[in-house]
N, C-alpha and C. Protein backbone atom coordinates (compact mmCIF):
# COMPACT_ATOMS: atom_id res chain seq x y z
N MET A 1 43.00 62.44 180.31
CA MET A 1 42.08 61.34 180.51
C MET A 1 41.30 61.60 181.80
N VAL A 2 40.06 61.27 181.78
CA VAL A 2 39.19 61.46 182.93
C VAL A 2 38.75 60.09 183.43
N LYS A 3 38.79 59.91 184.74
CA LYS A 3 38.38 58.64 185.35
C LYS A 3 37.09 58.86 186.11
N TYR A 4 36.05 58.15 185.73
CA TYR A 4 34.79 58.16 186.45
C TYR A 4 34.32 56.72 186.56
N SER A 5 33.54 56.43 187.57
CA SER A 5 32.96 55.09 187.67
C SER A 5 31.49 55.23 188.02
N VAL A 6 30.71 54.29 187.54
CA VAL A 6 29.29 54.22 187.88
C VAL A 6 29.00 52.78 188.25
N LEU A 7 27.88 52.57 188.87
CA LEU A 7 27.50 51.22 189.26
C LEU A 7 27.34 50.34 188.03
N ASN A 8 27.70 49.08 188.17
CA ASN A 8 27.50 48.13 187.08
C ASN A 8 26.02 48.03 186.75
N GLU A 9 25.75 47.85 185.49
CA GLU A 9 24.38 47.69 185.01
C GLU A 9 23.52 48.92 185.22
N SER A 10 24.11 50.06 185.52
CA SER A 10 23.34 51.28 185.70
C SER A 10 22.90 51.77 184.33
N ARG A 11 21.63 51.85 184.13
CA ARG A 11 21.09 52.29 182.84
C ARG A 11 20.88 53.80 182.81
N GLN A 12 20.77 54.41 184.00
CA GLN A 12 20.51 55.84 184.07
C GLN A 12 21.52 56.49 184.99
N LEU A 13 21.93 57.67 184.64
CA LEU A 13 22.86 58.43 185.47
C LEU A 13 22.33 59.85 185.52
N PHE A 14 22.09 60.36 186.73
CA PHE A 14 21.52 61.68 186.90
C PHE A 14 22.55 62.60 187.53
N ALA A 15 22.55 63.83 187.16
CA ALA A 15 23.48 64.82 187.71
C ALA A 15 22.68 65.93 188.39
N SER A 16 23.12 66.31 189.59
CA SER A 16 22.45 67.41 190.28
C SER A 16 23.16 68.73 190.01
N LYS A 17 24.38 68.66 189.47
CA LYS A 17 25.14 69.86 189.13
C LYS A 17 25.72 69.67 187.73
N TYR A 18 25.80 70.75 187.02
CA TYR A 18 26.39 70.72 185.69
C TYR A 18 27.56 71.69 185.66
N ARG A 19 28.62 71.33 185.00
CA ARG A 19 29.78 72.20 184.85
C ARG A 19 30.11 72.33 183.38
N LEU A 20 30.70 73.45 183.04
CA LEU A 20 31.11 73.67 181.66
C LEU A 20 32.44 72.98 181.35
N TYR A 21 33.11 72.51 182.38
CA TYR A 21 34.37 71.79 182.20
C TYR A 21 34.41 70.64 183.19
N LEU A 22 35.23 69.65 182.91
CA LEU A 22 35.37 68.53 183.82
C LEU A 22 36.37 68.89 184.92
N PRO A 23 36.07 68.49 186.15
CA PRO A 23 37.02 68.79 187.24
C PRO A 23 38.27 67.93 187.11
N SER A 24 39.35 68.41 187.71
CA SER A 24 40.56 67.59 187.75
C SER A 24 40.31 66.43 188.71
N GLU A 25 41.19 65.45 188.66
CA GLU A 25 41.05 64.31 189.57
C GLU A 25 41.11 64.78 191.03
N GLU A 26 41.97 65.73 191.34
CA GLU A 26 42.08 66.26 192.70
C GLU A 26 40.82 67.01 193.10
N GLU A 27 40.26 67.83 192.21
CA GLU A 27 39.02 68.56 192.52
C GLU A 27 37.88 67.57 192.78
N LEU A 28 37.82 66.52 192.00
CA LEU A 28 36.78 65.51 192.17
C LEU A 28 36.96 64.78 193.50
N ARG A 29 38.19 64.45 193.86
CA ARG A 29 38.48 63.78 195.13
C ARG A 29 38.04 64.65 196.30
N VAL A 30 38.37 65.94 196.25
CA VAL A 30 38.01 66.88 197.32
C VAL A 30 36.49 66.98 197.44
N GLU A 31 35.80 67.07 196.34
CA GLU A 31 34.33 67.18 196.36
C GLU A 31 33.68 65.92 196.92
N VAL A 32 34.17 64.76 196.53
CA VAL A 32 33.62 63.50 197.04
C VAL A 32 33.86 63.40 198.54
N GLU A 33 35.04 63.78 199.00
CA GLU A 33 35.35 63.74 200.44
C GLU A 33 34.47 64.72 201.21
N ARG A 34 34.24 65.91 200.66
CA ARG A 34 33.38 66.90 201.31
C ARG A 34 31.94 66.36 201.44
N GLU A 35 31.45 65.76 200.38
CA GLU A 35 30.09 65.18 200.41
C GLU A 35 30.01 64.03 201.41
N ARG A 36 31.06 63.19 201.45
CA ARG A 36 31.07 62.05 202.37
C ARG A 36 31.03 62.54 203.81
N GLU A 37 31.82 63.55 204.13
CA GLU A 37 31.83 64.10 205.48
C GLU A 37 30.48 64.68 205.85
N MET A 38 29.81 65.32 204.91
CA MET A 38 28.50 65.90 205.17
C MET A 38 27.48 64.79 205.48
N VAL A 39 27.52 63.69 204.73
CA VAL A 39 26.59 62.58 204.96
C VAL A 39 26.85 61.95 206.32
N VAL A 40 28.12 61.72 206.65
CA VAL A 40 28.46 61.14 207.96
C VAL A 40 27.97 62.05 209.07
N ARG A 41 28.21 63.35 208.95
CA ARG A 41 27.78 64.31 209.98
C ARG A 41 26.26 64.27 210.15
N GLU A 42 25.53 64.25 209.04
CA GLU A 42 24.06 64.22 209.12
C GLU A 42 23.57 62.93 209.77
N ARG A 43 24.19 61.82 209.46
CA ARG A 43 23.78 60.55 210.07
C ARG A 43 24.06 60.54 211.57
N LEU A 44 25.24 61.03 211.96
CA LEU A 44 25.56 61.08 213.38
C LEU A 44 24.60 61.99 214.13
N GLU A 45 24.26 63.13 213.54
CA GLU A 45 23.31 64.04 214.17
C GLU A 45 21.94 63.37 214.30
N GLY A 46 21.58 62.56 213.32
CA GLY A 46 20.32 61.83 213.37
C GLY A 46 20.26 60.84 214.52
N TYR A 47 21.44 60.34 214.92
CA TYR A 47 21.53 59.43 216.06
C TYR A 47 21.75 60.16 217.37
N GLY A 48 21.78 61.50 217.31
CA GLY A 48 21.97 62.29 218.52
C GLY A 48 23.42 62.34 218.98
N VAL A 49 24.33 62.06 218.09
CA VAL A 49 25.75 62.09 218.43
C VAL A 49 26.32 63.40 217.90
N GLY A 50 26.99 64.15 218.78
CA GLY A 50 27.61 65.39 218.37
C GLY A 50 28.90 65.13 217.62
N VAL A 51 29.13 65.83 216.56
CA VAL A 51 30.35 65.69 215.78
C VAL A 51 31.41 66.58 216.40
N GLY A 52 32.61 66.03 216.58
CA GLY A 52 33.71 66.83 217.12
C GLY A 52 33.69 66.93 218.63
N GLU A 53 32.89 66.12 219.27
CA GLU A 53 32.83 66.16 220.75
C GLU A 53 33.69 65.07 221.33
């Protein structure tokens, strides 16, 4: 079984990457965490805050 969620009432769903197989729940968790960290880092850099300082 695969668990995914989308926003309520979302009529369209776009994908920037395509895979020939569905990732495991752990692979999906790791990818979401990696993307989240990248967004946080970019926002902090935008505010002039160094990451890891």
